[in-house]
Structures are given as structure tokens and as C-alpha cells.
Amino acid sequence: MNLGLDATAIAAQLRGAYFGTTAAEIQVGVESYEIDVRLLEEDRNQIIDLERFTIHAPNGADVPLSSVAVIEQVRGYSRIQHVGGQ
């Protein structure tokens, strides 16, 4: 099944959920404020939270991260391993 997801799209959703993304900007007088959203700290501090993370595919499907990525806890540098050169 083609979900229309690639590593860049998945990484962007994870980055937004864990580090925050700007959802809106409001103007109060002359001041402008960005509204940033991210997961609550208690929802992003354990490996099980990552395993339960849901990716939103372009076709509208909600897909568990574990169905499109191998999640394992190991020591070492962060890396993305591409399969089939993609």
C-alpha cells in the first residue's frame, strides 16, 4: 500500500510533535505572538511514546510510526538508514 510518505515527511511530523511547530500567529495591538504546539512532556519522554506515535499520511490515513519505521533503542549516533536508496 502506497501511503505517500517519505523520510522527510515522517521526520517533519516527528520534529513538530517533539520540538514544536507554529500553529498560528495572533496580533495583539502592535505585538505579534506565535502559537506553538507540541506534545506534552509526559507524552514524549519514553520510547513507548515514540512507538505509539501516529503519522498522518497525505491520503488521510493515520498510520502508526511502527508500521513505516523500525524503532529500536541502541547506543550511538542518531542516523536515518535508507532502504533501497530512498
PDB file of N, CA and C in Angstrom:
ATOM      1  N   MET A   1       0.846  -1.177   0.000  1.00  0.00           N
ATOM      2  CA  MET A   1       0.000   0.000   0.000  1.00  0.00           C
ATOM      3  C   MET A   1       0.894   1.242   0.000  1.00  0.00           C
ATOM      4  N   ASN A   2       0.661   2.138  -0.930  1.00  0.00           N
ATOM      5  CA  ASN A   2       1.420   3.373  -1.018  1.00  0.00           C
ATOM      6  C   ASN A   2       0.724   4.444  -0.191  1.00  0.00           C
ATOM      7  N   LEU A   3       1.403   4.900   0.849  1.00  0.00           N
ATOM      8  CA  LEU A   3       0.822   5.902   1.745  1.00  0.00           C
ATOM      9  C   LEU A   3       1.221   7.318   1.369  1.00  0.00           C
ATOM     10  N   GLY A   4       2.141   7.460   0.413  1.00  0.00           N
ATOM     11  CA  GLY A   4       2.595   8.785   0.027  1.00  0.00           C
ATOM     12  C   GLY A   4       3.521   9.425   1.045  1.00  0.00           C
ATOM     13  N   LEU A   5       4.154   8.603   1.873  1.00  0.00           N
ATOM     14  CA  LEU A   5       5.069   9.100   2.904  1.00  0.00           C
ATOM     15  C   LEU A   5       6.507   8.855   2.494  1.00  0.00           C
ATOM     16  N   ASP A   6       7.376   9.786   2.840  1.00  0.00           N
ATOM     17  CA  ASP A   6       8.805   9.566   2.680  1.00  0.00           C
ATOM     18  C   ASP A   6       9.480   9.959   3.994  1.00  0.00           C
ATOM     19  N   ALA A   7      10.783   9.750   4.067  1.00  0.00           N
ATOM     20  CA  ALA A   7      11.511  10.023   5.308  1.00  0.00           C
ATOM     21  C   ALA A   7      11.403  11.484   5.717  1.00  0.00           C
ATOM     22  N   THR A   8      11.382  12.387   4.751  1.00  0.00           N
ATOM     23  CA  THR A   8      11.296  13.815   5.049  1.00  0.00           C
ATOM     24  C   THR A   8       9.956  14.161   5.709  1.00  0.00           C
ATOM     25  N   ALA A   9       8.878  13.611   5.187  1.00  0.00           N
ATOM     26  CA  ALA A   9       7.548  13.875   5.743  1.00  0.00           C
ATOM     27  C   ALA A   9       7.412  13.311   7.157  1.00  0.00           C
ATOM     28  N   ILE A  10       7.934  12.118   7.355  1.00  0.00           N
ATOM     29  CA  ILE A  10       7.875  11.493   8.675  1.00  0.00           C
ATOM     30  C   ILE A  10       8.706  12.295   9.673  1.00  0.00           C
ATOM     31  N   ALA A  11       9.917  12.677   9.266  1.00  0.00           N
ATOM     32  CA  ALA A  11      10.791  13.455  10.147  1.00  0.00           C
ATOM     33  C   ALA A  11      10.163  14.799  10.509  1.00  0.00           C
ATOM     34  N   ALA A  12       9.494  15.434   9.571  1.00  0.00           N
ATOM     35  CA  ALA A  12       8.856  16.731   9.828  1.00  0.00           C
ATOM     36  C   ALA A  12       7.749  16.594  10.875  1.00  0.00           C
ATOM     37  N   GLN A  13       6.964  15.532  10.783  1.00  0.00           N
ATOM     38  CA  GLN A  13       5.903  15.322  11.768  1.00  0.00           C
ATOM     39  C   GLN A  13       6.473  15.011  13.142  1.00  0.00           C
ATOM     40  N   LEU A  14       7.511  14.210  13.194  1.00  0.00           N
ATOM     41  CA  LEU A  14       8.151  13.911  14.478  1.00  0.00           C
ATOM     42  C   LEU A  14       8.778  15.164  15.082  1.00  0.00           C
ATOM     43  N   ARG A  15       9.460  15.936  14.256  1.00  0.00           N
ATOM     44  CA  ARG A  15      10.092  17.172  14.727  1.00  0.00           C
ATOM     45  C   ARG A  15       9.043  18.123  15.301  1.00  0.00           C
ATOM     46  N   GLY A  16       7.940  18.282  14.591  1.00  0.00           N
ATOM     47  CA  GLY A  16       6.878  19.159  15.065  1.00  0.00           C
ATOM     48  C   GLY A  16       6.271  18.693  16.376  1.00  0.00           C
ATOM     49  N   ALA A  17       6.039  17.399  16.490  1.00  0.00           N
ATOM     50  CA  ALA A  17       5.425  16.856  17.699  1.00  0.00           C
ATOM     51  C   ALA A  17       6.348  16.948  18.908  1.00  0.00           C
ATOM     52  N   TYR A  18       7.627  16.708  18.696  1.00  0.00           N
ATOM     53  CA  TYR A  18       8.568  16.660  19.815  1.00  0.00           C
ATOM     54  C   TYR A  18       9.220  18.008  20.131  1.00  0.00           C
ATOM     55  N   PHE A  19       9.425  18.844  19.118  1.00  0.00           N
ATOM     56  CA  PHE A  19      10.107  20.118  19.348  1.00  0.00           C
ATOM     57  C   PHE A  19       9.207  21.326  19.142  1.00  0.00           C
ATOM     58  N   GLY A  20       8.028  21.105  18.573  1.00  0.00           N
ATOM     59  CA  GLY A  20       7.062  22.177  18.404  1.00  0.00           C
ATOM     60  C   GLY A  20       7.005  22.722  16.992  1.00  0.00           C
ATOM     61  N   THR A  21       5.854  23.245  16.656  1.00  0.00           N
ATOM     62  CA  THR A  21       5.639  23.878  15.361  1.00  0.00           C
ATOM     63  C   THR A  21       4.667  25.034  15.560  1.00  0.00           C
ATOM     64  N   THR A  22       4.773  26.042  14.742  1.00  0.00           N
ATOM     65  CA  THR A  22       3.892  27.193  14.860  1.00  0.00           C
ATOM     66  C   THR A  22       2.554  26.872  14.201  1.00  0.00           C
ATOM     67  N   ALA A  23       1.488  26.929  14.993  1.00  0.00           N
ATOM     68  CA  ALA A  23       0.149  26.617  14.510  1.00  0.00           C
ATOM     69  C   ALA A  23      -0.587  27.865  14.044  1.00  0.00           C
ATOM     70  N   ALA A  24      -0.273  29.005  14.643  1.00  0.00           N
ATOM     71  CA  ALA A  24      -0.952  30.252  14.292  1.00  0.00           C
ATOM     72  C   ALA A  24      -0.137  31.423  14.794  1.00  0.00           C
ATOM     73  N   GLU A  25      -0.506  32.585  14.334  1.00  0.00           N
ATOM     74  CA  GLU A  25       0.104  33.817  14.807  1.00  0.00           C
ATOM     75  C   GLU A  25      -1.027  34.795  15.087  1.00  0.00           C
ATOM     76  N   ILE A  26      -0.986  35.414  16.252  1.00  0.00           N
ATOM     77  CA  ILE A  26      -2.037  36.371  16.589  1.00  0.00           C
ATOM     78  C   ILE A  26      -1.432  37.754  16.785  1.00  0.00           C
ATOM     79  N   GLN A  27      -2.234  38.743  16.522  1.00  0.00           N
ATOM     80  CA  GLN A  27      -1.828  40.128  16.675  1.00  0.00           C
ATOM     81  C   GLN A  27      -2.584  40.721  17.852  1.00  0.00           C
ATOM     82  N   VAL A  28      -1.870  41.276  18.818  1.00  0.00           N
ATOM     83  CA  VAL A  28      -2.462  41.958  19.969  1.00  0.00           C
ATOM     84  C   VAL A  28      -1.867  43.364  19.978  1.00  0.00           C
ATOM     85  N   GLY A  29      -2.645  44.305  19.488  1.00  0.00           N
ATOM     86  CA  GLY A  29      -2.121  45.656  19.341  1.00  0.00           C
ATOM     87  C   GLY A  29      -0.997  45.647  18.329  1.00  0.00           C
ATOM     88  N   VAL A  30       0.151  46.171  18.722  1.00  0.00           N
ATOM     89  CA  VAL A  30       1.303  46.190  17.824  1.00  0.00           C
ATOM     90  C   VAL A  30       2.171  44.947  17.982  1.00  0.00           C
ATOM     91  N   GLU A  31       1.860  44.119  18.984  1.00  0.00           N
ATOM     92  CA  GLU A  31       2.633  42.905  19.248  1.00  0.00           C
ATOM     93  C   GLU A  31       2.067  41.723  18.462  1.00  0.00           C
ATOM     94  N   SER A  32       2.966  40.872  17.989  1.00  0.00           N
ATOM     95  CA  SER A  32       2.597  39.660  17.281  1.00  0.00           C
ATOM     96  C   SER A  32       3.098  38.463  18.086  1.00  0.00           C
ATOM     97  N   TYR A  33       2.257  37.460  18.264  1.00  0.00           N
ATOM     98  CA  TYR A  33       2.616  36.277  19.046  1.00  0.00           C
ATOM     99  C   TYR A  33       2.390  35.021  18.210  1.00  0.00           C
ATOM    100  N   GLU A  34       3.380  34.136  18.229  1.00  0.00           N
ATOM    101  CA  GLU A  34       3.234  32.843  17.575  1.00  0.00           C
ATOM    102  C   GLU A  34       2.656  31.845  18.568  1.00  0.00           C
ATOM    103  N   ILE A  35       1.736  31.035  18.104  1.00  0.00           N
ATOM    104  CA  ILE A  35       1.166  29.958  18.914  1.00  0.00           C
ATOM    105  C   ILE A  35       1.861  28.668  18.491  1.00  0.00           C
ATOM    106  N   ASP A  36       2.699  28.159  19.373  1.00  0.00           N
ATOM    107  CA  ASP A  36       3.433  26.925  19.096  1.00  0.00           C
ATOM    108  C   ASP A  36       2.773  25.763  19.810  1.00  0.00           C
ATOM    109  N   VAL A  37       2.728  24.619  19.137  1.00  0.00           N
ATOM    110  CA  VAL A  37       2.145  23.413  19.729  1.00  0.00           C
ATOM    111  C   VAL A  37       3.153  22.273  19.655  1.00  0.00           C
ATOM    112  N   ARG A  38       3.098  21.402  20.639  1.00  0.00           N
ATOM    113  CA  ARG A  38       3.887  20.176  20.662  1.00  0.00           C
ATOM    114  C   ARG A  38       3.254  19.234  21.664  1.00  0.00           C
ATOM    115  N   LEU A  39       3.712  18.004  21.652  1.00  0.00           N
ATOM    116  CA  LEU A  39       3.212  17.019  22.605  1.00  0.00           C
ATOM    117  C   LEU A  39       3.560  17.450  24.029  1.00  0.00           C
ATOM    118  N   LEU A  40       2.712  17.074  24.971  1.00  0.00           N
ATOM    119  CA  LEU A  40       3.035  17.306  26.375  1.00  0.00           C
ATOM    120  C   LEU A  40       4.309  16.540  26.721  1.00  0.00           C
ATOM    121  N   GLU A  41       5.075  17.052  27.674  1.00  0.00           N
ATOM    122  CA  GLU A  41       6.336  16.393  28.025  1.00  0.00           C
ATOM    123  C   GLU A  41       6.124  14.940  28.438  1.00  0.00           C
ATOM    124  N   GLU A  42       5.061  14.669  29.178  1.00  0.00           N
ATOM    125  CA  GLU A  42       4.826  13.286  29.613  1.00  0.00           C
ATOM    126  C   GLU A  42       4.420  12.370  28.459  1.00  0.00           C
ATOM    127  N   ASP A  43       4.085  12.946  27.308  1.00  0.00           N
ATOM    128  CA  ASP A  43       3.739  12.152  26.127  1.00  0.00           C
ATOM    129  C   ASP A  43       4.903  12.030  25.141  1.00  0.00           C
ATOM    130  N   ARG A  44       6.084  12.499  25.537  1.00  0.00           N
ATOM    131  CA  ARG A  44       7.225  12.449  24.621  1.00  0.00           C
ATOM    132  C   ARG A  44       8.548  12.143  25.313  1.00  0.00           C
ATOM    133  N   ASN A  45       8.496  11.490  26.473  1.00  0.00           N
ATOM    134  CA  ASN A  45       9.760  11.262  27.173  1.00  0.00           C
ATOM    135  C   ASN A  45      10.116   9.788  27.358  1.00  0.00           C
ATOM    136  N   GLN A  46       9.368   8.884  26.745  1.00  0.00           N
ATOM    137  CA  GLN A  46       9.692   7.462  26.845  1.00  0.00           C
ATOM    138  C   GLN A  46       9.630   6.827  25.463  1.00  0.00           C
ATOM    139  N   ILE A  47      10.345   5.741  25.278  1.00  0.00           N
ATOM    140  CA  ILE A  47      10.380   5.060  23.983  1.00  0.00           C
ATOM    141  C   ILE A  47       8.988   4.580  23.579  1.00  0.00           C
ATOM    142  N   ILE A  48       8.165   4.217  24.520  1.00  0.00           N
ATOM    143  CA  ILE A  48       6.806   3.749  24.211  1.00  0.00           C
ATOM    144  C   ILE A  48       5.988   4.860  23.562  1.00  0.00           C
ATOM    145  N   ASP A  49       6.269   6.116  23.919  1.00  0.00           N
ATOM    146  CA  ASP A  49       5.569   7.241  23.302  1.00  0.00           C
ATOM    147  C   ASP A  49       5.895   7.327  21.809  1.00  0.00           C
ATOM    148  N   LEU A  50       7.129   7.074  21.468  1.00  0.00           N
ATOM    149  CA  LEU A  50       7.533   7.071  20.068  1.00  0.00           C
ATOM    150  C   LEU A  50       6.898   5.901  19.326  1.00  0.00           C
ATOM    151  N   GLU A  51       6.837   4.746  19.969  1.00  0.00           N
ATOM    152  CA  GLU A  51       6.226   3.570  19.346  1.00  0.00           C
ATOM    153  C   GLU A  51       4.741   3.783  19.082  1.00  0.00           C
ATOM    154  N   ARG A  52       4.081   4.570  19.904  1.00  0.00           N
ATOM    155  CA  ARG A  52       2.642   4.834  19.756  1.00  0.00           C
ATOM    156  C   ARG A  52       2.337   6.035  18.865  1.00  0.00           C
ATOM    157  N   PHE A  53       3.369   6.734  18.413  1.00  0.00           N
ATOM    158  CA  PHE A  53       3.178   7.943  17.617  1.00  0.00           C
ATOM    159  C   PHE A  53       2.467   7.612  16.309  1.00  0.00           C
ATOM    160  N   THR A  54       1.541   8.467  15.914  1.00  0.00           N
ATOM    161  CA  THR A  54       0.780   8.282  14.684  1.00  0.00           C
ATOM    162  C   THR A  54       1.201   9.309  13.646  1.00  0.00           C
ATOM    163  N   ILE A  55       1.476   8.822  12.447  1.00  0.00           N
ATOM    164  CA  ILE A  55       1.836   9.672  11.311  1.00  0.00           C
ATOM    165  C   ILE A  55       0.577   9.915  10.481  1.00  0.00           C
ATOM    166  N   HIS A  56       0.396  11.152  10.021  1.00  0.00           N
ATOM    167  CA  HIS A  56      -0.747  11.484   9.168  1.00  0.00           C
ATOM    168  C   HIS A  56      -0.282  11.458   7.718  1.00  0.00           C
ATOM    169  N   ALA A  57      -0.802  10.514   6.952  1.00  0.00           N
ATOM    170  CA  ALA A  57      -0.417  10.344   5.552  1.00  0.00           C
ATOM    171  C   ALA A  57      -1.184  11.323   4.666  1.00  0.00           C
ATOM    172  N   PRO A  58      -0.618  11.679   3.514  1.00  0.00           N
ATOM    173  CA  PRO A  58      -1.297  12.588   2.590  1.00  0.00           C
ATOM    174  C   PRO A  58      -2.665  12.087   2.117  1.00  0.00           C
ATOM    175  N   ASN A  59      -2.862  10.756   2.117  1.00  0.00           N
ATOM    176  CA  ASN A  59      -4.143  10.210   1.681  1.00  0.00           C
ATOM    177  C   ASN A  59      -5.197  10.253   2.789  1.00  0.00           C
ATOM    178  N   GLY A  60      -4.857  10.845   3.945  1.00  0.00           N
ATOM    179  CA  GLY A  60      -5.808  10.980   5.047  1.00  0.00           C
ATOM    180  C   GLY A  60      -5.725   9.889   6.094  1.00  0.00           C
ATOM    181  N   ALA A  61      -4.933   8.862   5.839  1.00  0.00           N
ATOM    182  CA  ALA A  61      -4.812   7.752   6.788  1.00  0.00           C
ATOM    183  C   ALA A  61      -3.926   8.146   7.966  1.00  0.00           C
ATOM    184  N   ASP A  62      -4.275   7.641   9.132  1.00  0.00           N
ATOM    185  CA  ASP A  62      -3.423   7.756  10.316  1.00  0.00           C
ATOM    186  C   ASP A  62      -2.699   6.422  10.464  1.00  0.00           C
ATOM    187  N   VAL A  63      -1.377   6.490  10.443  1.00  0.00           N
ATOM    188  CA  VAL A  63      -0.550   5.291  10.388  1.00  0.00           C
ATOM    189  C   VAL A  63       0.371   5.253  11.586  1.00  0.00           C
ATOM    190  N   PRO A  64       0.410   4.130  12.325  1.00  0.00           N
ATOM    191  CA  PRO A  64       1.368   4.037  13.432  1.00  0.00           C
ATOM    192  C   PRO A  64       2.793   4.141  12.903  1.00  0.00           C
ATOM    193  N   LEU A  65       3.626   4.907  13.588  1.00  0.00           N
ATOM    194  CA  LEU A  65       5.024   5.049  13.184  1.00  0.00           C
ATOM    195  C   LEU A  65       5.685   3.683  13.040  1.00  0.00           C
ATOM    196  N   SER A  66       5.332   2.766  13.915  1.00  0.00           N
ATOM    197  CA  SER A  66       5.946   1.433  13.889  1.00  0.00           C
ATOM    198  C   SER A  66       5.634   0.661  12.607  1.00  0.00           C
ATOM    199  N   SER A  67       4.624   1.096  11.826  1.00  0.00           N
ATOM    200  CA  SER A  67       4.319   0.396  10.578  1.00  0.00           C
ATOM    201  C   SER A  67       5.141   0.920   9.400  1.00  0.00           C
ATOM    202  N   VAL A  68       5.818   2.058   9.578  1.00  0.00           N
ATOM    203  CA  VAL A  68       6.634   2.611   8.495  1.00  0.00           C
ATOM    204  C   VAL A  68       8.097   2.775   8.897  1.00  0.00           C
ATOM    205  N   ALA A  69       8.430   2.439  10.146  1.00  0.00           N
ATOM    206  CA  ALA A  69       9.805   2.584  10.626  1.00  0.00           C
ATOM    207  C   ALA A  69      10.118   1.504  11.646  1.00  0.00           C
ATOM    208  N   VAL A  70      11.384   1.143  11.713  1.00  0.00           N
ATOM    209  CA  VAL A  70      11.847   0.218  12.742  1.00  0.00           C
ATOM    210  C   VAL A  70      12.321   1.073  13.914  1.00  0.00           C
ATOM    211  N   ILE A  71      11.740   0.833  15.066  1.00  0.00           N
ATOM    212  CA  ILE A  71      12.094   1.603  16.260  1.00  0.00           C
ATOM    213  C   ILE A  71      12.832   0.681  17.209  1.00  0.00           C
ATOM    214  N   GLU A  72      14.071   1.031  17.493  1.00  0.00           N
ATOM    215  CA  GLU A  72      14.848   0.241  18.437  1.00  0.00           C
ATOM    216  C   GLU A  72      15.740   1.171  19.233  1.00  0.00           C
ATOM    217  N   GLN A  73      15.954   0.811  20.466  1.00  0.00           N
ATOM    218  CA  GLN A  73      16.785   1.618  21.349  1.00  0.00           C
ATOM    219  C   GLN A  73      18.189   1.039  21.360  1.00  0.00           C
ATOM    220  N   VAL A  74      19.141   1.844  20.895  1.00  0.00           N
ATOM    221  CA  VAL A  74      20.537   1.435  20.849  1.00  0.00           C
ATOM    222  C   VAL A  74      21.401   2.615  21.250  1.00  0.00           C
ATOM    223  N   ARG A  75      22.632   2.332  21.614  1.00  0.00           N
ATOM    224  CA  ARG A  75      23.597   3.397  21.900  1.00  0.00           C
ATOM    225  C   ARG A  75      24.259   3.796  20.595  1.00  0.00           C
ATOM    226  N   GLY A  76      24.520   5.065  20.449  1.00  0.00           N
ATOM    227  CA  GLY A  76      25.232   5.509  19.260  1.00  0.00           C
ATOM    228  C   GLY A  76      24.720   6.832  18.757  1.00  0.00           C
ATOM    229  N   TYR A  77      25.219   7.209  17.597  1.00  0.00           N
ATOM    230  CA  TYR A  77      24.836   8.462  16.971  1.00  0.00           C
ATOM    231  C   TYR A  77      23.451   8.333  16.331  1.00  0.00           C
ATOM    232  N   SER A  78      22.751   9.441  16.217  1.00  0.00           N
ATOM    233  CA  SER A  78      21.466   9.453  15.518  1.00  0.00           C
ATOM    234  C   SER A  78      21.722   9.255  14.031  1.00  0.00           C
ATOM    235  N   ARG A  79      20.846   8.489  13.391  1.00  0.00           N
ATOM    236  CA  ARG A  79      21.002   8.284  11.961  1.00  0.00           C
ATOM    237  C   ARG A  79      19.686   7.845  11.350  1.00  0.00           C
ATOM    238  N   ILE A  80      19.575   8.055  10.069  1.00  0.00           N
ATOM    239  CA  ILE A  80      18.446   7.558   9.290  1.00  0.00           C
ATOM    240  C   ILE A  80      19.027   6.609   8.255  1.00  0.00           C
ATOM    241  N   GLN A  81      18.580   5.379   8.283  1.00  0.00           N
ATOM    242  CA  GLN A  81      19.075   4.401   7.329  1.00  0.00           C
ATOM    243  C   GLN A  81      18.029   4.268   6.234  1.00  0.00           C
ATOM    244  N   HIS A  82      18.437   4.557   5.000  1.00  0.00           N
ATOM    245  CA  HIS A  82      17.528   4.483   3.870  1.00  0.00           C
ATOM    246  C   HIS A  82      17.546   3.077   3.291  1.00  0.00           C
ATOM    247  N   VAL A  83      16.352   2.605   2.951  1.00  0.00           N
ATOM    248  CA  VAL A  83      16.219   1.273   2.375  1.00  0.00           C
ATOM    249  C   VAL A  83      15.994   1.438   0.874  1.00  0.00           C
ATOM    250  N   GLY A  84      16.732   0.726   0.078  1.00  0.00           N
ATOM    251  CA  GLY A  84      16.562   0.785  -1.374  1.00  0.00           C
ATOM    252  C   GLY A  84      16.968   2.113  -1.979  1.00  0.00           C
ATOM    253  N   GLY A  85      17.848   2.848  -1.310  1.00  0.00           N
ATOM    254  CA  GLY A  85      18.334   4.101  -1.841  1.00  0.00           C
ATOM    255  C   GLY A  85      17.331   5.242  -1.779  1.00  0.00           C
ATOM    256  N   GLN A  86      16.271   5.075  -1.033  1.00  0.00           N
ATOM    257  CA  GLN A  86      15.238   6.133  -0.941  1.00  0.00           C
ATOM    258  C   GLN A  86      15.289   6.834   0.371  1.00  0.00           C
TER     259      GLN A  86
END
